[in-house]
Amino acid sequence: SQVAQELTIRMKEGEVIIVVQERRDPEFMIGDSVRVHKNAYGTARVFHSDEDPFIDPDTGAYLPDDFENPDL
């Protein structure tokens, strides 16, 4: 089992979305600037604004556009 965090995000356009995902370090705090990545299936994943979801955090390698990340 994983510990999850529910994130309520107000998008720039004013829309409010809620995303539940595993808690990560550093965890998200109220007021954090975030980036929301939605895949073709409508699944959303939240990252801190200074994170790049297309960079492998373990190796620092850039992931190609057609890479299917099972975590997203």
PDB file of N, CA and C in Angstrom:
ATOM      1  N   SER A   1       0.836  -1.186   0.000  1.00  0.00           N
ATOM      2  CA  SER A   1       0.000   0.000   0.000  1.00  0.00           C
ATOM      3  C   SER A   1       0.877   1.244   0.000  1.00  0.00           C
ATOM      4  N   GLN A   2       0.320   2.335  -0.473  1.00  0.00           N
ATOM      5  CA  GLN A   2       1.036   3.603  -0.553  1.00  0.00           C
ATOM      6  C   GLN A   2       0.266   4.672   0.211  1.00  0.00           C
ATOM      7  N   VAL A   3       0.987   5.674   0.674  1.00  0.00           N
ATOM      8  CA  VAL A   3       0.357   6.822   1.323  1.00  0.00           C
ATOM      9  C   VAL A   3       0.021   7.829   0.232  1.00  0.00           C
ATOM     10  N   ALA A   4      -1.219   8.262   0.186  1.00  0.00           N
ATOM     11  CA  ALA A   4      -1.671   9.167  -0.867  1.00  0.00           C
ATOM     12  C   ALA A   4      -1.887  10.572  -0.324  1.00  0.00           C
ATOM     13  N   GLN A   5      -1.893  11.515  -1.244  1.00  0.00           N
ATOM     14  CA  GLN A   5      -2.175  12.903  -0.913  1.00  0.00           C
ATOM     15  C   GLN A   5      -3.229  13.388  -1.895  1.00  0.00           C
ATOM     16  N   GLU A   6      -4.292  14.019  -1.378  1.00  0.00           N
ATOM     17  CA  GLU A   6      -5.324  14.595  -2.225  1.00  0.00           C
ATOM     18  C   GLU A   6      -4.972  16.055  -2.456  1.00  0.00           C
ATOM     19  N   LEU A   7      -4.873  16.436  -3.723  1.00  0.00           N
ATOM     20  CA  LEU A   7      -4.477  17.794  -4.084  1.00  0.00           C
ATOM     21  C   LEU A   7      -5.637  18.496  -4.777  1.00  0.00           C
ATOM     22  N   THR A   8      -6.027  19.640  -4.263  1.00  0.00           N
ATOM     23  CA  THR A   8      -7.039  20.471  -4.901  1.00  0.00           C
ATOM     24  C   THR A   8      -6.297  21.617  -5.567  1.00  0.00           C
ATOM     25  N   ILE A   9      -6.445  21.729  -6.880  1.00  0.00           N
ATOM     26  CA  ILE A   9      -5.644  22.665  -7.654  1.00  0.00           C
ATOM     27  C   ILE A   9      -6.544  23.610  -8.427  1.00  0.00           C
ATOM     28  N   ARG A  10      -6.274  24.900  -8.284  1.00  0.00           N
ATOM     29  CA  ARG A  10      -6.974  25.903  -9.092  1.00  0.00           C
ATOM     30  C   ARG A  10      -6.081  26.210 -10.286  1.00  0.00           C
ATOM     31  N   MET A  11      -6.572  25.877 -11.468  1.00  0.00           N
ATOM     32  CA  MET A  11      -5.819  26.098 -12.701  1.00  0.00           C
ATOM     33  C   MET A  11      -5.843  27.589 -13.055  1.00  0.00           C
ATOM     34  N   LYS A  12      -4.937  28.015 -13.922  1.00  0.00           N
ATOM     35  CA  LYS A  12      -4.869  29.424 -14.326  1.00  0.00           C
ATOM     36  C   LYS A  12      -6.181  29.925 -14.903  1.00  0.00           C
ATOM     37  N   GLU A  13      -6.907  29.040 -15.594  1.00  0.00           N
ATOM     38  CA  GLU A  13      -8.178  29.411 -16.217  1.00  0.00           C
ATOM     39  C   GLU A  13      -9.314  29.508 -15.206  1.00  0.00           C
ATOM     40  N   GLY A  14      -9.050  29.142 -13.939  1.00  0.00           N
ATOM     41  CA  GLY A  14     -10.059  29.206 -12.900  1.00  0.00           C
ATOM     42  C   GLY A  14     -10.691  27.872 -12.555  1.00  0.00           C
ATOM     43  N   GLU A  15     -10.518  26.873 -13.412  1.00  0.00           N
ATOM     44  CA  GLU A  15     -11.055  25.542 -13.154  1.00  0.00           C
ATOM     45  C   GLU A  15     -10.375  24.947 -11.921  1.00  0.00           C
ATOM     46  N   VAL A  16     -11.122  24.219 -11.108  1.00  0.00           N
ATOM     47  CA  VAL A  16     -10.577  23.531  -9.941  1.00  0.00           C
ATOM     48  C   VAL A  16     -10.608  22.037 -10.221  1.00  0.00           C
ATOM     49  N   ILE A  17      -9.458  21.374 -10.036  1.00  0.00           N
ATOM     50  CA  ILE A  17      -9.396  19.928 -10.206  1.00  0.00           C
ATOM     51  C   ILE A  17      -8.875  19.310  -8.916  1.00  0.00           C
ATOM     52  N   ILE A  18      -9.216  18.056  -8.717  1.00  0.00           N
ATOM     53  CA  ILE A  18      -8.730  17.301  -7.558  1.00  0.00           C
ATOM     54  C   ILE A  18      -7.990  16.083  -8.085  1.00  0.00           C
ATOM     55  N   VAL A  19      -6.770  15.900  -7.602  1.00  0.00           N
ATOM     56  CA  VAL A  19      -5.938  14.764  -8.007  1.00  0.00           C
ATOM     57  C   VAL A  19      -5.501  14.040  -6.749  1.00  0.00           C
ATOM     58  N   VAL A  20      -5.651  12.720  -6.740  1.00  0.00           N
ATOM     59  CA  VAL A  20      -5.147  11.890  -5.645  1.00  0.00           C
ATOM     60  C   VAL A  20      -3.995  11.078  -6.210  1.00  0.00           C
ATOM     61  N   GLN A  21      -2.838  11.208  -5.591  1.00  0.00           N
ATOM     62  CA  GLN A  21      -1.664  10.456  -6.028  1.00  0.00           C
ATOM     63  C   GLN A  21      -0.807  10.136  -4.829  1.00  0.00           C
ATOM     64  N   GLU A  22       0.182   9.247  -5.019  1.00  0.00           N
ATOM     65  CA  GLU A  22       1.043   8.886  -3.897  1.00  0.00           C
ATOM     66  C   GLU A  22       1.791  10.118  -3.398  1.00  0.00           C
ATOM     67  N   ARG A  23       2.007  10.153  -2.097  1.00  0.00           N
ATOM     68  CA  ARG A  23       2.735  11.272  -1.499  1.00  0.00           C
ATOM     69  C   ARG A  23       4.198  11.171  -1.881  1.00  0.00           C
ATOM     70  N   ARG A  24       4.782  12.295  -2.232  1.00  0.00           N
ATOM     71  CA  ARG A  24       6.167  12.343  -2.683  1.00  0.00           C
ATOM     72  C   ARG A  24       6.937  13.326  -1.825  1.00  0.00           C
ATOM     73  N   ASP A  25       8.257  13.198  -1.849  1.00  0.00           N
ATOM     74  CA  ASP A  25       9.126  14.158  -1.176  1.00  0.00           C
ATOM     75  C   ASP A  25       9.749  15.072  -2.211  1.00  0.00           C
ATOM     76  N   PRO A  26       9.748  16.357  -2.018  1.00  0.00           N
ATOM     77  CA  PRO A  26       9.024  17.016  -0.940  1.00  0.00           C
ATOM     78  C   PRO A  26       7.527  16.994  -1.228  1.00  0.00           C
ATOM     79  N   GLU A  27       6.746  16.871  -0.166  1.00  0.00           N
ATOM     80  CA  GLU A  27       5.305  16.812  -0.380  1.00  0.00           C
ATOM     81  C   GLU A  27       4.777  18.194  -0.749  1.00  0.00           C
ATOM     82  N   PHE A  28       3.589  18.223  -1.290  1.00  0.00           N
ATOM     83  CA  PHE A  28       2.972  19.469  -1.720  1.00  0.00           C
ATOM     84  C   PHE A  28       2.370  20.193  -0.524  1.00  0.00           C
ATOM     85  N   MET A  29       2.510  21.499  -0.532  1.00  0.00           N
ATOM     86  CA  MET A  29       1.978  22.337   0.539  1.00  0.00           C
ATOM     87  C   MET A  29       1.017  23.357  -0.070  1.00  0.00           C
ATOM     88  N   ILE A  30       0.128  23.886   0.740  1.00  0.00           N
ATOM     89  CA  ILE A  30      -0.804  24.908   0.274  1.00  0.00           C
ATOM     90  C   ILE A  30      -0.017  26.074  -0.298  1.00  0.00           C
ATOM     91  N   GLY A  31      -0.418  26.508  -1.487  1.00  0.00           N
ATOM     92  CA  GLY A  31       0.223  27.645  -2.131  1.00  0.00           C
ATOM     93  C   GLY A  31       1.363  27.289  -3.069  1.00  0.00           C
ATOM     94  N   ASP A  32       1.779  26.011  -3.083  1.00  0.00           N
ATOM     95  CA  ASP A  32       2.857  25.606  -3.991  1.00  0.00           C
ATOM     96  C   ASP A  32       2.435  25.816  -5.442  1.00  0.00           C
ATOM     97  N   SER A  33       3.385  26.236  -6.249  1.00  0.00           N
ATOM     98  CA  SER A  33       3.177  26.324  -7.686  1.00  0.00           C
ATOM     99  C   SER A  33       3.434  24.934  -8.257  1.00  0.00           C
ATOM    100  N   VAL A  34       2.493  24.436  -9.046  1.00  0.00           N
ATOM    101  CA  VAL A  34       2.602  23.065  -9.549  1.00  0.00           C
ATOM    102  C   VAL A  34       2.406  23.027 -11.056  1.00  0.00           C
ATOM    103  N   ARG A  35       2.726  21.882 -11.615  1.00  0.00           N
ATOM    104  CA  ARG A  35       2.526  21.576 -13.022  1.00  0.00           C
ATOM    105  C   ARG A  35       1.628  20.350 -13.074  1.00  0.00           C
ATOM    106  N   VAL A  36       0.602  20.382 -13.900  1.00  0.00           N
ATOM    107  CA  VAL A  36      -0.292  19.233 -14.038  1.00  0.00           C
ATOM    108  C   VAL A  36      -0.072  18.627 -15.421  1.00  0.00           C
ATOM    109  N   HIS A  37       0.250  17.356 -15.446  1.00  0.00           N
ATOM    110  CA  HIS A  37       0.444  16.648 -16.707  1.00  0.00           C
ATOM    111  C   HIS A  37      -0.724  15.688 -16.883  1.00  0.00           C
ATOM    112  N   LYS A  38      -1.456  15.840 -17.991  1.00  0.00           N
ATOM    113  CA  LYS A  38      -2.564  14.932 -18.298  1.00  0.00           C
ATOM    114  C   LYS A  38      -2.163  14.085 -19.494  1.00  0.00           C
ATOM    115  N   ASN A  39      -2.403  12.775 -19.389  1.00  0.00           N
ATOM    116  CA  ASN A  39      -2.091  11.916 -20.526  1.00  0.00           C
ATOM    117  C   ASN A  39      -3.310  11.808 -21.446  1.00  0.00           C
ATOM    118  N   ALA A  40      -3.171  11.043 -22.500  1.00  0.00           N
ATOM    119  CA  ALA A  40      -4.235  10.910 -23.496  1.00  0.00           C
ATOM    120  C   ALA A  40      -5.503  10.271 -22.931  1.00  0.00           C
ATOM    121  N   TYR A  41      -5.373   9.579 -21.801  1.00  0.00           N
ATOM    122  CA  TYR A  41      -6.523   8.921 -21.182  1.00  0.00           C
ATOM    123  C   TYR A  41      -7.220   9.804 -20.159  1.00  0.00           C
ATOM    124  N   GLY A  42      -6.726  11.038 -19.977  1.00  0.00           N
ATOM    125  CA  GLY A  42      -7.332  11.969 -19.033  1.00  0.00           C
ATOM    126  C   GLY A  42      -6.821  11.833 -17.617  1.00  0.00           C
ATOM    127  N   THR A  43      -5.855  10.941 -17.395  1.00  0.00           N
ATOM    128  CA  THR A  43      -5.276  10.777 -16.072  1.00  0.00           C
ATOM    129  C   THR A  43      -4.310  11.931 -15.816  1.00  0.00           C
ATOM    130  N   ALA A  44      -4.442  12.563 -14.654  1.00  0.00           N
ATOM    131  CA  ALA A  44      -3.586  13.705 -14.323  1.00  0.00           C
ATOM    132  C   ALA A  44      -2.564  13.315 -13.271  1.00  0.00           C
ATOM    133  N   ARG A  45      -1.422  13.937 -13.361  1.00  0.00           N
ATOM    134  CA  ARG A  45      -0.332  13.748 -12.404  1.00  0.00           C
ATOM    135  C   ARG A  45       0.220  15.130 -12.075  1.00  0.00           C
ATOM    136  N   VAL A  46       0.510  15.376 -10.808  1.00  0.00           N
ATOM    137  CA  VAL A  46       0.958  16.698 -10.367  1.00  0.00           C
ATOM    138  C   VAL A  46       2.436  16.648 -10.011  1.00  0.00           C
ATOM    139  N   PHE A  47       3.157  17.675 -10.448  1.00  0.00           N
ATOM    140  CA  PHE A  47       4.576  17.824 -10.172  1.00  0.00           C
ATOM    141  C   PHE A  47       4.809  19.219  -9.618  1.00  0.00           C
ATOM    142  N   HIS A  48       5.861  19.400  -8.856  1.00  0.00           N
ATOM    143  CA  HIS A  48       6.249  20.755  -8.455  1.00  0.00           C
ATOM    144  C   HIS A  48       6.633  21.517  -9.724  1.00  0.00           C
ATOM    145  N   SER A  49       6.427  22.829  -9.739  1.00  0.00           N
ATOM    146  CA  SER A  49       6.644  23.603 -10.965  1.00  0.00           C
ATOM    147  C   SER A  49       8.077  23.542 -11.467  1.00  0.00           C
ATOM    148  N   ASP A  50       9.041  23.261 -10.588  1.00  0.00           N
ATOM    149  CA  ASP A  50      10.438  23.201 -11.032  1.00  0.00           C
ATOM    150  C   ASP A  50      10.858  21.789 -11.465  1.00  0.00           C
ATOM    151  N   GLU A  51       9.933  20.828 -11.429  1.00  0.00           N
ATOM    152  CA  GLU A  51      10.220  19.467 -11.867  1.00  0.00           C
ATOM    153  C   GLU A  51       9.861  19.313 -13.336  1.00  0.00           C
ATOM    154  N   ASP A  52      10.581  18.479 -14.037  1.00  0.00           N
ATOM    155  CA  ASP A  52      10.254  18.155 -15.417  1.00  0.00           C
ATOM    156  C   ASP A  52       9.805  16.700 -15.457  1.00  0.00           C
ATOM    157  N   PRO A  53       8.529  16.434 -15.759  1.00  0.00           N
ATOM    158  CA  PRO A  53       8.034  15.050 -15.746  1.00  0.00           C
ATOM    159  C   PRO A  53       8.662  14.174 -16.816  1.00  0.00           C
ATOM    160  N   PHE A  54       9.407  14.763 -17.739  1.00  0.00           N
ATOM    161  CA  PHE A  54      10.019  13.980 -18.804  1.00  0.00           C
ATOM    162  C   PHE A  54      11.501  13.715 -18.554  1.00  0.00           C
ATOM    163  N   ILE A  55      11.966  14.007 -17.345  1.00  0.00           N
ATOM    164  CA  ILE A  55      13.336  13.691 -16.955  1.00  0.00           C
ATOM    165  C   ILE A  55      13.273  12.558 -15.937  1.00  0.00           C
ATOM    166  N   ASP A  56      14.010  11.494 -16.179  1.00  0.00           N
ATOM    167  CA  ASP A  56      14.060  10.369 -15.249  1.00  0.00           C
ATOM    168  C   ASP A  56      14.764  10.834 -13.977  1.00  0.00           C
ATOM    169  N   PRO A  57      14.074  10.821 -12.829  1.00  0.00           N
ATOM    170  CA  PRO A  57      14.684  11.322 -11.596  1.00  0.00           C
ATOM    171  C   PRO A  57      15.875  10.492 -11.130  1.00  0.00           C
ATOM    172  N   ASP A  58      15.941   9.228 -11.532  1.00  0.00           N
ATOM    173  CA  ASP A  58      17.044   8.371 -11.110  1.00  0.00           C
ATOM    174  C   ASP A  58      18.305   8.583 -11.939  1.00  0.00           C
ATOM    175  N   THR A  59      18.133   8.813 -13.256  1.00  0.00           N
ATOM    176  CA  THR A  59      19.303   8.917 -14.125  1.00  0.00           C
ATOM    177  C   THR A  59      19.549  10.322 -14.661  1.00  0.00           C
ATOM    178  N   GLY A  60      18.522  11.184 -14.629  1.00  0.00           N
ATOM    179  CA  GLY A  60      18.643  12.521 -15.213  1.00  0.00           C
ATOM    180  C   GLY A  60      18.496  12.510 -16.726  1.00  0.00           C
ATOM    181  N   ALA A  61      18.164  11.344 -17.298  1.00  0.00           N
ATOM    182  CA  ALA A  61      18.025  11.224 -18.749  1.00  0.00           C
ATOM    183  C   ALA A  61      16.671  11.765 -19.198  1.00  0.00           C
ATOM    184  N   TYR A  62      16.661  12.387 -20.370  1.00  0.00           N
ATOM    185  CA  TYR A  62      15.417  12.878 -20.953  1.00  0.00           C
ATOM    186  C   TYR A  62      14.652  11.706 -21.538  1.00  0.00           C
ATOM    187  N   LEU A  63      13.377  11.618 -21.207  1.00  0.00           N
ATOM    188  CA  LEU A  63      12.538  10.527 -21.706  1.00  0.00           C
ATOM    189  C   LEU A  63      11.922  10.943 -23.034  1.00  0.00           C
ATOM    190  N   PRO A  64      11.982  10.102 -24.058  1.00  0.00           N
ATOM    191  CA  PRO A  64      11.426  10.459 -25.371  1.00  0.00           C
ATOM    192  C   PRO A  64       9.918  10.640 -25.315  1.00  0.00           C
ATOM    193  N   ASP A  65       9.380  11.389 -26.297  1.00  0.00           N
ATOM    194  CA  ASP A  65       7.953  11.687 -26.340  1.00  0.00           C
ATOM    195  C   ASP A  65       7.071  10.443 -26.314  1.00  0.00           C
ATOM    196  N   ASP A  66       7.524   9.353 -26.926  1.00  0.00           N
ATOM    197  CA  ASP A  66       6.696   8.156 -27.002  1.00  0.00           C
ATOM    198  C   ASP A  66       6.891   7.217 -25.820  1.00  0.00           C
ATOM    199  N   PHE A  67       7.652   7.658 -24.806  1.00  0.00           N
ATOM    200  CA  PHE A  67       7.886   6.837 -23.641  1.00  0.00           C
ATOM    201  C   PHE A  67       6.604   6.707 -22.830  1.00  0.00           C
ATOM    202  N   GLU A  68       6.252   5.491 -22.463  1.00  0.00           N
ATOM    203  CA  GLU A  68       5.053   5.243 -21.663  1.00  0.00           C
ATOM    204  C   GLU A  68       5.473   5.034 -20.231  1.00  0.00           C
ATOM    205  N   ASN A  69       5.313   6.047 -19.388  1.00  0.00           N
ATOM    206  CA  ASN A  69       5.672   5.934 -17.983  1.00  0.00           C
ATOM    207  C   ASN A  69       4.518   5.280 -17.240  1.00  0.00           C
ATOM    208  N   PRO A  70       4.718   4.103 -16.672  1.00  0.00           N
ATOM    209  CA  PRO A  70       3.613   3.412 -15.994  1.00  0.00           C
ATOM    210  C   PRO A  70       3.109   4.158 -14.764  1.00  0.00           C
ATOM    211  N   ASP A  71       3.895   5.111 -14.235  1.00  0.00           N
ATOM    212  CA  ASP A  71       3.465   5.873 -13.063  1.00  0.00           C
ATOM    213  C   ASP A  71       2.540   7.020 -13.407  1.00  0.00           C
ATOM    214  N   LEU A  72       2.432   7.381 -14.691  1.00  0.00           N
ATOM    215  CA  LEU A  72       1.595   8.529 -15.067  1.00  0.00           C
ATOM    216  C   LEU A  72       0.205   8.106 -15.387  1.00  0.00           C
TER     217      LEU A  72
END
